[in-house]
C-alpha atoms as a PDB file:
ATOM      1  CA  UNK A   1       0.000   0.000   0.000  1.00  0.00           C
ATOM      2  CA  UNK A   2       1.417   3.393  -0.943  1.00  0.00           C
ATOM      3  CA  UNK A   3       1.673   6.424   1.285  1.00  0.00           C
ATOM      4  CA  UNK A   4      -0.707   8.416  -0.903  1.00  0.00           C
ATOM      5  CA  UNK A   5      -3.555   6.008  -0.191  1.00  0.00           C
ATOM      6  CA  UNK A   6      -2.668   5.512   3.481  1.00  0.00           C
ATOM      7  CA  UNK A   7      -2.980   9.139   4.553  1.00  0.00           C
ATOM      8  CA  UNK A   8      -6.610   9.699   3.444  1.00  0.00           C
ATOM      9  CA  UNK A   9      -7.624   6.435   5.082  1.00  0.00           C
ATOM     10  CA  UNK A  10      -5.919   7.408   8.338  1.00  0.00           C
ATOM     11  CA  UNK A  11      -7.475  10.874   8.242  1.00  0.00           C
ATOM     12  CA  UNK A  12     -10.889   9.346   7.592  1.00  0.00           C
ATOM     13  CA  UNK A  13     -10.624   7.016  10.587  1.00  0.00           C
ATOM     14  CA  UNK A  14      -9.272   9.882  12.693  1.00  0.00           C
ATOM     15  CA  UNK A  15     -12.294  11.978  11.740  1.00  0.00           C
ATOM     16  CA  UNK A  16     -14.583   9.114  12.716  1.00  0.00           C
ATOM     17  CA  UNK A  17     -12.900   8.820  16.121  1.00  0.00           C
ATOM     18  CA  UNK A  18     -13.098  12.559  16.733  1.00  0.00           C
ATOM     19  CA  UNK A  19     -16.790  12.519  15.748  1.00  0.00           C
ATOM     20  CA  UNK A  20     -17.463   9.821  18.320  1.00  0.00           C
ATOM     21  CA  UNK A  21     -15.433  11.735  20.902  1.00  0.00           C
ATOM     22  CA  UNK A  22     -17.550  14.817  20.213  1.00  0.00           C
ATOM     23  CA  UNK A  23     -20.653  12.817  21.092  1.00  0.00           C
ATOM     24  CA  UNK A  24     -19.206  12.381  24.572  1.00  0.00           C
ATOM     25  CA  UNK A  25     -19.827  16.106  25.128  1.00  0.00           C
ATOM     26  CA  UNK A  26     -23.572  15.465  25.364  1.00  0.00           C
ATOM     27  CA  UNK A  27     -23.380  12.784  28.043  1.00  0.00           C
ATOM     28  CA  UNK A  28     -24.672  13.528  31.517  1.00  0.00           C
ATOM     29  CA  UNK A  29     -21.267  13.037  33.128  1.00  0.00           C
ATOM     30  CA  UNK A  30     -19.677  15.707  30.964  1.00  0.00           C
ATOM     31  CA  UNK A  31     -22.667  18.019  31.351  1.00  0.00           C
ATOM     32  CA  UNK A  32     -22.175  17.830  35.120  1.00  0.00           C
ATOM     33  CA  UNK A  33     -18.581  19.046  34.745  1.00  0.00           C
ATOM     34  CA  UNK A  34     -18.898  21.514  31.850  1.00  0.00           C
ATOM     35  CA  UNK A  35     -21.522  24.127  31.216  1.00  0.00           C
ATOM     36  CA  UNK A  36     -23.524  23.914  28.011  1.00  0.00           C
ATOM     37  CA  UNK A  37     -21.699  26.936  26.564  1.00  0.00           C
ATOM     38  CA  UNK A  38     -18.263  25.445  27.176  1.00  0.00           C
ATOM     39  CA  UNK A  39     -19.307  22.095  25.704  1.00  0.00           C
ATOM     40  CA  UNK A  40     -20.697  23.876  22.631  1.00  0.00           C
ATOM     41  CA  UNK A  41     -17.486  25.892  22.253  1.00  0.00           C
ATOM     42  CA  UNK A  42     -15.422  22.703  22.401  1.00  0.00           C
ATOM     43  CA  UNK A  43     -17.692  21.032  19.844  1.00  0.00           C
ATOM     44  CA  UNK A  44     -17.388  24.002  17.471  1.00  0.00           C
ATOM     45  CA  UNK A  45     -13.608  24.021  17.805  1.00  0.00           C
ATOM     46  CA  UNK A  46     -13.487  20.308  17.027  1.00  0.00           C
ATOM     47  CA  UNK A  47     -15.786  20.854  14.034  1.00  0.00           C
ATOM     48  CA  UNK A  48     -13.486  23.520  12.604  1.00  0.00           C
ATOM     49  CA  UNK A  49     -10.517  21.206  13.123  1.00  0.00           C
ATOM     50  CA  UNK A  50     -12.346  18.470  11.254  1.00  0.00           C
ATOM     51  CA  UNK A  51     -13.175  20.907   8.449  1.00  0.00           C
ATOM     52  CA  UNK A  52      -9.472  21.705   8.101  1.00  0.00           C
ATOM     53  CA  UNK A  53      -8.586  18.050   7.638  1.00  0.00           C
ATOM     54  CA  UNK A  54     -11.401  17.532   5.141  1.00  0.00           C
ATOM     55  CA  UNK A  55     -10.355  20.509   3.038  1.00  0.00           C
ATOM     56  CA  UNK A  56      -6.632  19.758   3.147  1.00  0.00           C
ATOM     57  CA  UNK A  57      -6.806  16.017   2.588  1.00  0.00           C
ATOM     58  CA  UNK A  58      -9.961  15.356   0.602  1.00  0.00           C
ATOM     59  CA  UNK A  59     -10.034  18.543  -1.476  1.00  0.00           C
ATOM     60  CA  UNK A  60      -6.309  18.214  -2.251  1.00  0.00           C
ATOM     61  CA  UNK A  61      -5.251  21.610  -0.830  1.00  0.00           C
ATOM     62  CA  UNK A  62      -2.442  20.281   1.363  1.00  0.00           C
ATOM     63  CA  UNK A  63       0.222  21.207  -1.205  1.00  0.00           C
ATOM     64  CA  UNK A  64      -1.278  24.518  -2.406  1.00  0.00           C
ATOM     65  CA  UNK A  65       0.671  26.921  -0.184  1.00  0.00           C
ATOM     66  CA  UNK A  66      -1.140  30.217  -0.907  1.00  0.00           C
ATOM     67  CA  UNK A  67      -4.626  28.764  -0.754  1.00  0.00           C
ATOM     68  CA  UNK A  68      -3.729  26.815   2.361  1.00  0.00           C
ATOM     69  CA  UNK A  69      -2.469  29.935   4.142  1.00  0.00           C
ATOM     70  CA  UNK A  70      -5.621  31.855   3.215  1.00  0.00           C
ATOM     71  CA  UNK A  71      -7.860  28.976   4.274  1.00  0.00           C
ATOM     72  CA  UNK A  72      -6.060  28.450   7.595  1.00  0.00           C
ATOM     73  CA  UNK A  73      -6.327  32.155   8.401  1.00  0.00           C
ATOM     74  CA  UNK A  74     -10.003  32.258   7.460  1.00  0.00           C
ATOM     75  CA  UNK A  75     -10.707  29.117   9.477  1.00  0.00           C
ATOM     76  CA  UNK A  76      -9.023  30.474  12.632  1.00  0.00           C
ATOM     77  CA  UNK A  77     -10.877  33.796  12.378  1.00  0.00           C
ATOM     78  CA  UNK A  78     -14.235  32.081  11.862  1.00  0.00           C
ATOM     79  CA  UNK A  79     -13.613  29.596  14.673  1.00  0.00           C
ATOM     80  CA  UNK A  80     -12.625  32.337  17.123  1.00  0.00           C
ATOM     81  CA  UNK A  81     -15.679  34.364  16.097  1.00  0.00           C
ATOM     82  CA  UNK A  82     -18.018  31.426  16.625  1.00  0.00           C
ATOM     83  CA  UNK A  83     -16.485  30.549  19.993  1.00  0.00           C
ATOM     84  CA  UNK A  84     -16.719  34.186  21.087  1.00  0.00           C
ATOM     85  CA  UNK A  85     -20.402  34.311  20.136  1.00  0.00           C
ATOM     86  CA  UNK A  86     -21.101  31.071  21.980  1.00  0.00           C
ATOM     87  CA  UNK A  87     -19.297  32.093  25.176  1.00  0.00           C
ATOM     88  CA  UNK A  88     -20.644  35.646  25.450  1.00  0.00           C
END
């Protein structure tokens, strides 16, 4: 198996694991420890992280330096804006 086909598969399984981990945020045990706003902020941050992997690995932007820099900057600004709106 070549490296080019291994990375997308690993990213895919990583995204599945992170999706399952995000579901833990809605359990009663976590809700007892974290407030709903903090849990939502964590979930949004994880979602933006997942979006980064999807765009870089499945839309083939990992090696496009200028587009990647623009996208990373946009993603960080949007994520911080969403988290700020959730936590206010």
